[in-house]
Amino acid sequence: MPKRGNIVSYGGSGSRHVTGMRISEALALTWDAIDWIKGKIRIRGKWNGKSYGPPKSLMSRKPVVMTKGLATVLEVWRQETMFAKGNDLLFPSYRKKGKQPRLGSMIVEDYIRPAAIAAGVLEERDGKCYYDDEVAIRFGFHNLRHGLATWLAEQGTDPAVIRRMLRHSSKDMTMHYIHAKAREAQEKYIEELGIADASQPSDSGCSLRVQ
């Protein structure tokens, strides 16, 4: 269990990492949006940094599933926070007296990025963070959503399930993740079977194509 001072950020990042929720949606959450009995979180709006607005699309309005682990963390946080009423924000700014959510960028710098470095996801060198030996210019909450979709694709999860979890309005957006992993799996298959590189011409002068 995270320390008292970290629970809000742990719960915030967890709500996005295990549900695929957008950061704008998570920051707009109030306690009465949680259905503790059914284990779901209702998405009612989003926070754009200055004001509240409606969800991104009709698909975005669908509730997300709350795991038991996430429910436990949120229950602990509700006991700790000063803002625990039904219409209070889950992740409020104490400087704003609970009237506005915390800054997403602050949570990233104080908790998400250090956690990624500690887990070996990011490597810190010369004051910069690297991912796969490339400078990670942007690393934040969207990476958690992207990471969940990619992980599900790696596990062979049905694209329809991934789309439903991430609440994509278009199947093309979901297939963006699937196609990337399909290409990787295809390359691995070619390598394991010892098939010639598809980019190299054959003796007949034609390039191999794997469908």
Protein backbone atom coordinates (compact mmCIF):
# COMPACT_ATOMS: atom_id res chain seq x y z
CA MET A 1 0.00 0.00 0.00
CA PRO A 2 1.40 3.44 -0.89
CA LYS A 3 2.27 5.96 1.80
CA ARG A 4 -0.35 8.51 2.83
CA GLY A 5 1.14 11.29 0.73
CA ASN A 6 1.22 9.10 -2.37
CA ILE A 7 -2.22 7.52 -2.28
CA VAL A 8 -3.94 10.20 -4.38
CA SER A 9 -1.38 9.91 -7.16
CA TYR A 10 -1.22 6.12 -6.88
CA GLY A 11 -4.97 5.92 -7.19
CA GLY A 12 -4.99 8.46 -9.99
CA SER A 13 -2.44 6.63 -12.10
CA GLY A 14 -4.04 3.30 -11.25
CA SER A 15 -7.45 4.47 -12.41
CA ARG A 16 -5.94 5.17 -15.81
CA HIS A 17 -3.50 2.28 -16.08
CA VAL A 18 -5.98 -0.51 -15.30
CA THR A 19 -9.10 1.07 -16.82
CA GLY A 20 -7.70 2.88 -19.86
CA MET A 21 -9.36 6.06 -18.64
CA ARG A 22 -8.20 9.34 -20.14
CA ILE A 23 -6.45 11.77 -17.79
CA SER A 24 -9.06 14.44 -18.53
CA GLU A 25 -11.81 12.02 -17.46
CA ALA A 26 -10.05 10.89 -14.29
CA LEU A 27 -9.42 14.45 -13.12
CA ALA A 28 -13.13 15.25 -13.50
CA LEU A 29 -14.27 12.28 -11.38
CA THR A 30 -16.33 12.83 -8.25
CA TRP A 31 -17.00 10.21 -5.58
CA ASP A 32 -20.63 9.73 -6.59
CA ALA A 33 -19.45 8.55 -10.02
CA ILE A 34 -18.24 5.31 -8.43
CA ASP A 35 -20.60 2.36 -8.25
CA TRP A 36 -18.99 0.33 -5.48
CA ILE A 37 -21.52 -2.50 -5.77
CA LYS A 38 -21.27 -3.06 -9.52
CA GLY A 39 -17.58 -2.22 -9.61
CA LYS A 40 -17.86 0.47 -12.26
CA ILE A 41 -16.88 4.10 -12.67
CA ARG A 42 -19.26 6.34 -14.58
CA ILE A 43 -17.71 8.87 -16.93
CA ARG A 44 -19.66 12.12 -16.78
CA GLY A 45 -17.26 14.69 -18.11
CA LYS A 46 -13.68 15.83 -18.54
CA TRP A 47 -11.37 18.55 -17.26
CA ASN A 48 -9.36 20.43 -19.89
CA GLY A 49 -7.16 22.31 -17.45
CA LYS A 50 -9.39 25.35 -17.25
CA SER A 51 -12.98 24.16 -17.25
CA TYR A 52 -15.22 21.09 -17.32
CA GLY A 53 -16.79 19.73 -20.47
CA PRO A 54 -18.66 16.70 -21.81
CA PRO A 55 -16.90 13.40 -22.58
CA LYS A 56 -14.97 13.18 -25.85
CA SER A 57 -17.57 11.03 -27.64
CA LEU A 58 -20.65 8.87 -27.11
CA MET A 59 -18.40 5.85 -26.59
CA SER A 60 -16.46 7.82 -23.99
CA ARG A 61 -19.60 8.11 -21.89
CA LYS A 62 -19.67 4.39 -21.22
CA PRO A 63 -18.60 3.34 -17.69
CA VAL A 64 -15.26 1.67 -17.06
CA VAL A 65 -14.68 -1.42 -14.94
CA MET A 66 -13.10 -0.92 -11.51
CA THR A 67 -10.87 -3.76 -10.36
CA LYS A 68 -10.90 -4.89 -6.75
CA GLY A 69 -7.35 -3.63 -6.29
CA LEU A 70 -8.24 -0.18 -7.55
CA ALA A 71 -11.39 -0.14 -5.41
CA THR A 72 -9.28 -0.87 -2.32
CA VAL A 73 -6.88 1.99 -3.07
CA LEU A 74 -9.74 4.41 -3.68
CA GLU A 75 -11.48 3.36 -0.46
CA VAL A 76 -8.30 4.06 1.50
CA TRP A 77 -7.88 7.40 -0.24
CA ARG A 78 -11.45 8.40 0.59
CA GLN A 79 -10.70 7.84 4.27
CA GLU A 80 -7.60 10.02 4.00
CA THR A 81 -8.81 12.93 1.90
CA MET A 82 -10.48 16.04 3.27
CA PHE A 83 -12.86 15.97 0.31
CA ALA A 84 -14.87 12.77 0.62
CA LYS A 85 -18.43 13.88 -0.04
CA GLY A 86 -20.37 12.55 -2.99
CA ASN A 87 -19.85 15.62 -5.18
CA ASP A 88 -16.21 16.14 -4.17
CA LEU A 89 -13.42 15.49 -6.64
CA LEU A 90 -11.45 12.26 -6.27
CA PHE A 91 -8.17 14.04 -6.98
CA PRO A 92 -8.62 17.62 -5.77
CA SER A 93 -6.11 20.43 -5.52
CA TYR A 94 -5.71 21.44 -1.90
CA ARG A 95 -4.35 24.80 -3.01
CA LYS A 96 -7.65 25.38 -4.83
CA LYS A 97 -9.58 24.15 -1.77
CA GLY A 98 -10.95 21.20 -3.68
CA LYS A 99 -12.66 23.30 -6.33
CA GLN A 100 -10.35 22.12 -9.10
CA PRO A 101 -8.45 18.89 -9.78
CA ARG A 102 -4.71 18.54 -9.26
CA LEU A 103 -2.43 19.37 -12.15
CA GLY A 104 -1.82 16.29 -14.26
CA SER A 105 1.66 17.53 -15.16
CA MET A 106 2.57 17.82 -11.48
CA ILE A 107 1.47 14.25 -10.81
CA VAL A 108 3.56 13.07 -13.75
CA GLU A 109 6.72 14.83 -12.59
CA ASP A 110 6.33 13.95 -8.91
CA TYR A 111 5.12 10.35 -9.20
CA ILE A 112 4.64 8.79 -12.65
CA ARG A 113 8.02 9.56 -14.15
CA PRO A 114 9.98 8.57 -10.99
CA ALA A 115 7.97 5.34 -10.81
CA ALA A 116 8.76 4.60 -14.45
CA ILE A 117 12.47 5.14 -13.78
CA ALA A 118 12.38 2.92 -10.70
CA ALA A 119 10.61 0.18 -12.69
CA GLY A 120 13.19 0.36 -15.46
CA VAL A 121 10.70 1.60 -18.06
CA LEU A 122 12.68 4.82 -18.41
CA GLU A 123 16.42 5.26 -18.04
CA GLU A 124 17.77 8.51 -16.64
CA ARG A 125 21.10 9.73 -18.02
CA ASP A 126 22.66 13.17 -18.00
CA GLY A 127 19.50 14.77 -16.69
CA LYS A 128 17.36 13.25 -19.45
CA CYS A 129 15.03 10.26 -19.60
CA TYR A 130 15.39 7.63 -22.32
CA TYR A 131 13.05 4.97 -23.62
CA ASP A 132 14.65 2.36 -25.89
CA ASP A 133 17.74 4.59 -26.13
CA GLU A 134 15.66 7.50 -27.44
CA VAL A 135 15.01 10.65 -25.47
CA ALA A 136 11.52 10.47 -23.95
CA ILE A 137 10.36 13.99 -24.69
CA ARG A 138 6.82 13.21 -23.65
CA PHE A 139 5.99 10.62 -21.04
CA GLY A 140 2.77 10.88 -19.10
CA PHE A 141 -0.68 9.53 -18.51
CA HIS A 142 -1.42 8.80 -22.16
CA ASN A 143 1.45 6.32 -22.08
CA LEU A 144 -0.50 4.36 -19.46
CA ARG A 145 -3.55 4.20 -21.70
CA HIS A 146 -1.40 3.33 -24.71
CA GLY A 147 0.48 0.74 -22.67
CA LEU A 148 -2.73 -0.98 -21.56
CA ALA A 149 -3.95 -1.26 -25.15
CA THR A 150 -0.59 -2.58 -26.36
CA TRP A 151 -0.37 -5.11 -23.53
CA LEU A 152 -3.87 -6.38 -24.27
CA ALA A 153 -2.92 -6.74 -27.93
CA GLU A 154 0.20 -8.69 -26.96
CA GLN A 155 -1.97 -11.10 -24.98
CA GLY A 156 -4.07 -11.80 -28.06
CA THR A 157 -7.13 -10.00 -26.70
CA ASP A 158 -9.99 -9.65 -29.16
CA PRO A 159 -9.85 -6.16 -30.75
CA ALA A 160 -13.54 -5.71 -29.92
CA VAL A 161 -12.73 -6.15 -26.23
CA ILE A 162 -9.86 -3.66 -26.40
CA ARG A 163 -12.08 -1.16 -28.17
CA ARG A 164 -14.76 -1.56 -25.52
CA MET A 165 -12.27 -1.14 -22.67
CA LEU A 166 -10.69 1.98 -24.14
CA ARG A 167 -14.08 3.23 -25.40
CA HIS A 168 -12.76 4.10 -28.85
CA SER A 169 -15.37 5.63 -31.13
CA SER A 170 -13.62 4.16 -34.18
CA LYS A 171 -12.31 0.64 -34.67
CA ASP A 172 -9.46 2.15 -36.71
CA MET A 173 -8.08 3.73 -33.55
CA THR A 174 -8.06 0.35 -31.83
CA MET A 175 -6.46 -1.34 -34.83
CA HIS A 176 -3.61 1.14 -34.55
CA TYR A 177 -2.40 -0.92 -31.60
CA ILE A 178 -3.28 -4.29 -33.10
CA HIS A 179 -1.48 -3.64 -36.37
CA ALA A 180 1.72 -2.67 -34.59
CA LYS A 181 1.81 -5.93 -32.64
CA ALA A 182 0.74 -7.94 -35.69
CA ARG A 183 3.71 -6.63 -37.65
CA GLU A 184 6.04 -7.47 -34.77
CA ALA A 185 4.61 -10.99 -34.52
CA GLN A 186 4.95 -11.39 -38.28
CA GLU A 187 8.61 -10.38 -38.20
CA LYS A 188 9.28 -12.82 -35.36
CA TYR A 189 7.53 -15.60 -37.30
CA ILE A 190 9.65 -14.91 -40.39
CA GLU A 191 12.83 -14.91 -38.33
CA GLU A 192 11.98 -18.17 -36.53
CA LEU A 193 11.22 -19.98 -39.79
CA GLY A 194 14.30 -18.64 -41.50
CA ILE A 195 12.30 -17.05 -44.29
CA ALA A 196 14.22 -14.54 -46.40
CA ASP A 197 13.88 -10.90 -45.47
CA ALA A 198 10.79 -9.55 -47.19
CA SER A 199 12.68 -6.41 -48.11
CA GLN A 200 15.30 -8.35 -50.09
CA PRO A 201 14.63 -9.38 -53.72
CA SER A 202 14.50 -13.10 -54.52
CA ASP A 203 16.40 -14.81 -57.34
CA SER A 204 13.50 -14.09 -59.65
CA GLY A 205 13.88 -10.41 -58.92
CA CYS A 206 10.60 -10.24 -57.00
CA SER A 207 10.28 -9.16 -53.41
CA LEU A 208 8.71 -11.54 -50.92
CA ARG A 209 5.42 -10.45 -49.43
CA VAL A 210 3.91 -12.03 -46.37
CA GLN A 211 0.20 -11.48 -46.04
